[in-house]
Amino acid sequence: MSKTVISSDKAPAAIGTYSQAIKAGNTVYMSGQIPLDPKTMELVEGFDAQTTQVFENLKAVAEAAGGSFKDIVKLNIFLTDLSHFAKVNEIMGKYFEQPYPARAAIGVAALPRGAQVEMDAVLVIE
């Protein structure tokens, strides 16, 4: 099976040895997105703004792959403070409709660049 690199200039450029996403067949594996503004490559401030920026970054990569949030089948959320879980649900509700993707929320000690939230996703594009 061939692999296709997916990238978008509307999402932050990779800051390491990875691609924004890889498409294999009709499945897209999106790398973790942290709340970097793609224009400045700086972290946005505040938890709400960081969560929104991560969703916007994921949206840009999904669209570059020819998909949308409706195509996400699995979403992983990494939080440095699990007390923000309810806020993530609230903000996620602005981006997703039922049926919601399968999801995990994982508490972690730290994230790159001091981010409070990171997410990755798997899409299946028909």
C-alpha atoms as a PDB file:
ATOM      1  CA  MET A   1       0.000   0.000   0.000  1.00  0.00           C
ATOM      2  CA  SER A   2       1.324   3.430  -0.880  1.00  0.00           C
ATOM      3  CA  LYS A   3       1.577   6.267   1.599  1.00  0.00           C
ATOM      4  CA  THR A   4       0.823   9.885   0.754  1.00  0.00           C
ATOM      5  CA  VAL A   5       2.096  12.810   2.792  1.00  0.00           C
ATOM      6  CA  ILE A   6      -0.622  15.312   3.688  1.00  0.00           C
ATOM      7  CA  SER A   7       0.291  18.871   4.593  1.00  0.00           C
ATOM      8  CA  SER A   8      -1.378  22.235   4.938  1.00  0.00           C
ATOM      9  CA  ASP A   9       0.085  25.702   5.323  1.00  0.00           C
ATOM     10  CA  LYS A  10      -3.065  26.498   7.351  1.00  0.00           C
ATOM     11  CA  ALA A  11      -1.684  24.295  10.156  1.00  0.00           C
ATOM     12  CA  PRO A  12       1.673  24.592  11.912  1.00  0.00           C
ATOM     13  CA  ALA A  13       4.626  23.152  10.050  1.00  0.00           C
ATOM     14  CA  ALA A  14       6.073  19.989  11.561  1.00  0.00           C
ATOM     15  CA  ILE A  15       8.617  20.827  14.268  1.00  0.00           C
ATOM     16  CA  GLY A  16      10.340  17.457  14.123  1.00  0.00           C
ATOM     17  CA  THR A  17      10.843  14.361  12.041  1.00  0.00           C
ATOM     18  CA  TYR A  18       7.197  13.751  11.185  1.00  0.00           C
ATOM     19  CA  SER A  19       4.501  14.682   8.680  1.00  0.00           C
ATOM     20  CA  GLN A  20       1.288  16.536   9.530  1.00  0.00           C
ATOM     21  CA  ALA A  21      -0.562  13.454   8.297  1.00  0.00           C
ATOM     22  CA  ILE A  22      -0.099  10.310   6.254  1.00  0.00           C
ATOM     23  CA  LYS A  23      -2.799   8.821   4.051  1.00  0.00           C
ATOM     24  CA  ALA A  24      -2.694   5.052   3.537  1.00  0.00           C
ATOM     25  CA  GLY A  25      -5.550   3.767   1.418  1.00  0.00           C
ATOM     26  CA  ASN A  26      -8.642   5.628   2.601  1.00  0.00           C
ATOM     27  CA  THR A  27      -7.298   6.115   6.150  1.00  0.00           C
ATOM     28  CA  VAL A  28      -5.566   9.294   7.278  1.00  0.00           C
ATOM     29  CA  TYR A  29      -3.354   9.273  10.362  1.00  0.00           C
ATOM     30  CA  MET A  30      -2.978  12.809  11.669  1.00  0.00           C
ATOM     31  CA  SER A  31      -0.011  13.698  13.850  1.00  0.00           C
ATOM     32  CA  GLY A  32      -0.521  15.414  17.146  1.00  0.00           C
ATOM     33  CA  GLN A  33      -1.345  19.105  16.926  1.00  0.00           C
ATOM     34  CA  ILE A  34      -0.463  21.540  19.660  1.00  0.00           C
ATOM     35  CA  PRO A  35      -1.899  25.075  19.835  1.00  0.00           C
ATOM     36  CA  LEU A  36       0.604  26.820  17.606  1.00  0.00           C
ATOM     37  CA  ASP A  37      -0.648  29.650  15.429  1.00  0.00           C
ATOM     38  CA  PRO A  38       0.406  28.495  11.936  1.00  0.00           C
ATOM     39  CA  LYS A  39       1.296  32.054  10.876  1.00  0.00           C
ATOM     40  CA  THR A  40       3.597  32.852  13.790  1.00  0.00           C
ATOM     41  CA  MET A  41       4.467  29.337  15.044  1.00  0.00           C
ATOM     42  CA  GLU A  42       3.881  30.727  18.537  1.00  0.00           C
ATOM     43  CA  LEU A  43       1.740  29.112  21.231  1.00  0.00           C
ATOM     44  CA  VAL A  44      -1.612  30.842  21.730  1.00  0.00           C
ATOM     45  CA  GLU A  45      -2.453  31.891  25.302  1.00  0.00           C
ATOM     46  CA  GLY A  46      -5.175  30.504  27.564  1.00  0.00           C
ATOM     47  CA  PHE A  47      -6.738  27.057  27.722  1.00  0.00           C
ATOM     48  CA  ASP A  48      -9.874  27.897  25.698  1.00  0.00           C
ATOM     49  CA  ALA A  49      -7.802  29.532  22.964  1.00  0.00           C
ATOM     50  CA  GLN A  50      -5.348  26.628  22.952  1.00  0.00           C
ATOM     51  CA  THR A  51      -8.109  24.048  22.590  1.00  0.00           C
ATOM     52  CA  THR A  52      -9.782  26.016  19.803  1.00  0.00           C
ATOM     53  CA  GLN A  53      -6.442  26.433  17.990  1.00  0.00           C
ATOM     54  CA  VAL A  54      -5.790  22.694  18.156  1.00  0.00           C
ATOM     55  CA  PHE A  55      -9.204  21.975  16.611  1.00  0.00           C
ATOM     56  CA  GLU A  56      -8.536  24.578  13.886  1.00  0.00           C
ATOM     57  CA  ASN A  57      -5.145  22.986  13.156  1.00  0.00           C
ATOM     58  CA  LEU A  58      -6.706  19.519  12.946  1.00  0.00           C
ATOM     59  CA  LYS A  59      -9.451  20.892  10.691  1.00  0.00           C
ATOM     60  CA  ALA A  60      -6.881  22.359   8.285  1.00  0.00           C
ATOM     61  CA  VAL A  61      -5.016  19.055   7.989  1.00  0.00           C
ATOM     62  CA  ALA A  62      -8.259  17.067   7.598  1.00  0.00           C
ATOM     63  CA  GLU A  63      -9.325  19.394   4.786  1.00  0.00           C
ATOM     64  CA  ALA A  64      -5.917  19.066   3.116  1.00  0.00           C
ATOM     65  CA  ALA A  65      -6.504  15.303   3.126  1.00  0.00           C
ATOM     66  CA  GLY A  66      -9.864  15.775   1.420  1.00  0.00           C
ATOM     67  CA  GLY A  67     -11.865  15.138   4.578  1.00  0.00           C
ATOM     68  CA  SER A  68     -13.581  16.872   7.450  1.00  0.00           C
ATOM     69  CA  PHE A  69     -14.340  16.320  11.121  1.00  0.00           C
ATOM     70  CA  LYS A  70     -17.227  14.078  10.022  1.00  0.00           C
ATOM     71  CA  ASP A  71     -14.569  11.625   8.794  1.00  0.00           C
ATOM     72  CA  ILE A  72     -12.718  11.383  12.130  1.00  0.00           C
ATOM     73  CA  VAL A  73     -13.237   7.938  13.645  1.00  0.00           C
ATOM     74  CA  LYS A  74     -10.747   8.246  16.532  1.00  0.00           C
ATOM     75  CA  LEU A  75      -9.593  11.302  18.459  1.00  0.00           C
ATOM     76  CA  ASN A  76      -6.929  11.290  21.171  1.00  0.00           C
ATOM     77  CA  ILE A  77      -6.742  14.244  23.553  1.00  0.00           C
ATOM     78  CA  PHE A  78      -3.721  14.821  25.759  1.00  0.00           C
ATOM     79  CA  LEU A  79      -4.144  17.231  28.681  1.00  0.00           C
ATOM     80  CA  THR A  80      -1.653  18.474  31.241  1.00  0.00           C
ATOM     81  CA  ASP A  81      -4.590  19.119  33.604  1.00  0.00           C
ATOM     82  CA  LEU A  82      -7.572  16.761  33.490  1.00  0.00           C
ATOM     83  CA  SER A  83      -9.714  19.321  35.311  1.00  0.00           C
ATOM     84  CA  HIS A  84     -10.094  20.936  31.847  1.00  0.00           C
ATOM     85  CA  PHE A  85     -11.978  17.878  30.563  1.00  0.00           C
ATOM     86  CA  ALA A  86     -15.425  19.531  30.728  1.00  0.00           C
ATOM     87  CA  LYS A  87     -14.139  22.583  28.830  1.00  0.00           C
ATOM     88  CA  VAL A  88     -12.727  20.317  26.104  1.00  0.00           C
ATOM     89  CA  ASN A  89     -16.150  18.659  25.765  1.00  0.00           C
ATOM     90  CA  GLU A  90     -17.812  22.071  25.487  1.00  0.00           C
ATOM     91  CA  ILE A  91     -15.442  23.301  22.775  1.00  0.00           C
ATOM     92  CA  MET A  92     -15.489  19.939  20.966  1.00  0.00           C
ATOM     93  CA  GLY A  93     -19.279  20.236  20.728  1.00  0.00           C
ATOM     94  CA  LYS A  94     -18.805  23.258  18.448  1.00  0.00           C
ATOM     95  CA  TYR A  95     -16.809  21.165  15.963  1.00  0.00           C
ATOM     96  CA  PHE A  96     -18.466  17.728  15.991  1.00  0.00           C
ATOM     97  CA  GLU A  97     -21.941  16.297  15.461  1.00  0.00           C
ATOM     98  CA  GLN A  98     -23.233  12.851  16.299  1.00  0.00           C
ATOM     99  CA  PRO A  99     -22.111  10.240  15.728  1.00  0.00           C
ATOM    100  CA  TYR A 100     -19.070  11.443  17.655  1.00  0.00           C
ATOM    101  CA  PRO A 101     -15.714   9.774  17.061  1.00  0.00           C
ATOM    102  CA  ALA A 102     -14.275   7.253  19.474  1.00  0.00           C
ATOM    103  CA  ARG A 103     -12.083   9.206  21.871  1.00  0.00           C
ATOM    104  CA  ALA A 104      -9.506   8.972  24.618  1.00  0.00           C
ATOM    105  CA  ALA A 105      -8.546  11.732  27.039  1.00  0.00           C
ATOM    106  CA  ILE A 106      -5.160  11.172  28.592  1.00  0.00           C
ATOM    107  CA  GLY A 107      -3.493  13.128  31.387  1.00  0.00           C
ATOM    108  CA  VAL A 108       0.185  13.797  30.746  1.00  0.00           C
ATOM    109  CA  ALA A 109       2.938  15.507  32.730  1.00  0.00           C
ATOM    110  CA  ALA A 110       4.017  17.850  29.931  1.00  0.00           C
ATOM    111  CA  LEU A 111       3.545  18.608  26.243  1.00  0.00           C
ATOM    112  CA  PRO A 112       5.854  20.190  23.642  1.00  0.00           C
ATOM    113  CA  ARG A 113       6.516  23.919  24.015  1.00  0.00           C
ATOM    114  CA  GLY A 114       4.543  24.055  27.259  1.00  0.00           C
ATOM    115  CA  ALA A 115       1.183  23.455  25.571  1.00  0.00           C
ATOM    116  CA  GLN A 116      -1.761  22.533  27.797  1.00  0.00           C
ATOM    117  CA  VAL A 117      -3.464  20.371  25.151  1.00  0.00           C
ATOM    118  CA  GLU A 118      -2.520  18.221  22.154  1.00  0.00           C
ATOM    119  CA  MET A 119      -4.714  16.093  19.896  1.00  0.00           C
ATOM    120  CA  ASP A 120      -4.236  13.580  17.135  1.00  0.00           C
ATOM    121  CA  ALA A 121      -6.828  11.810  15.013  1.00  0.00           C
ATOM    122  CA  VAL A 122      -7.562   9.043  12.542  1.00  0.00           C
ATOM    123  CA  LEU A 123      -9.898   9.723   9.600  1.00  0.00           C
ATOM    124  CA  VAL A 124     -11.506   7.318   7.188  1.00  0.00           C
ATOM    125  CA  ILE A 125     -12.398   9.036   3.935  1.00  0.00           C
ATOM    126  CA  GLU A 126     -14.981   7.348   1.712  1.00  0.00           C
END
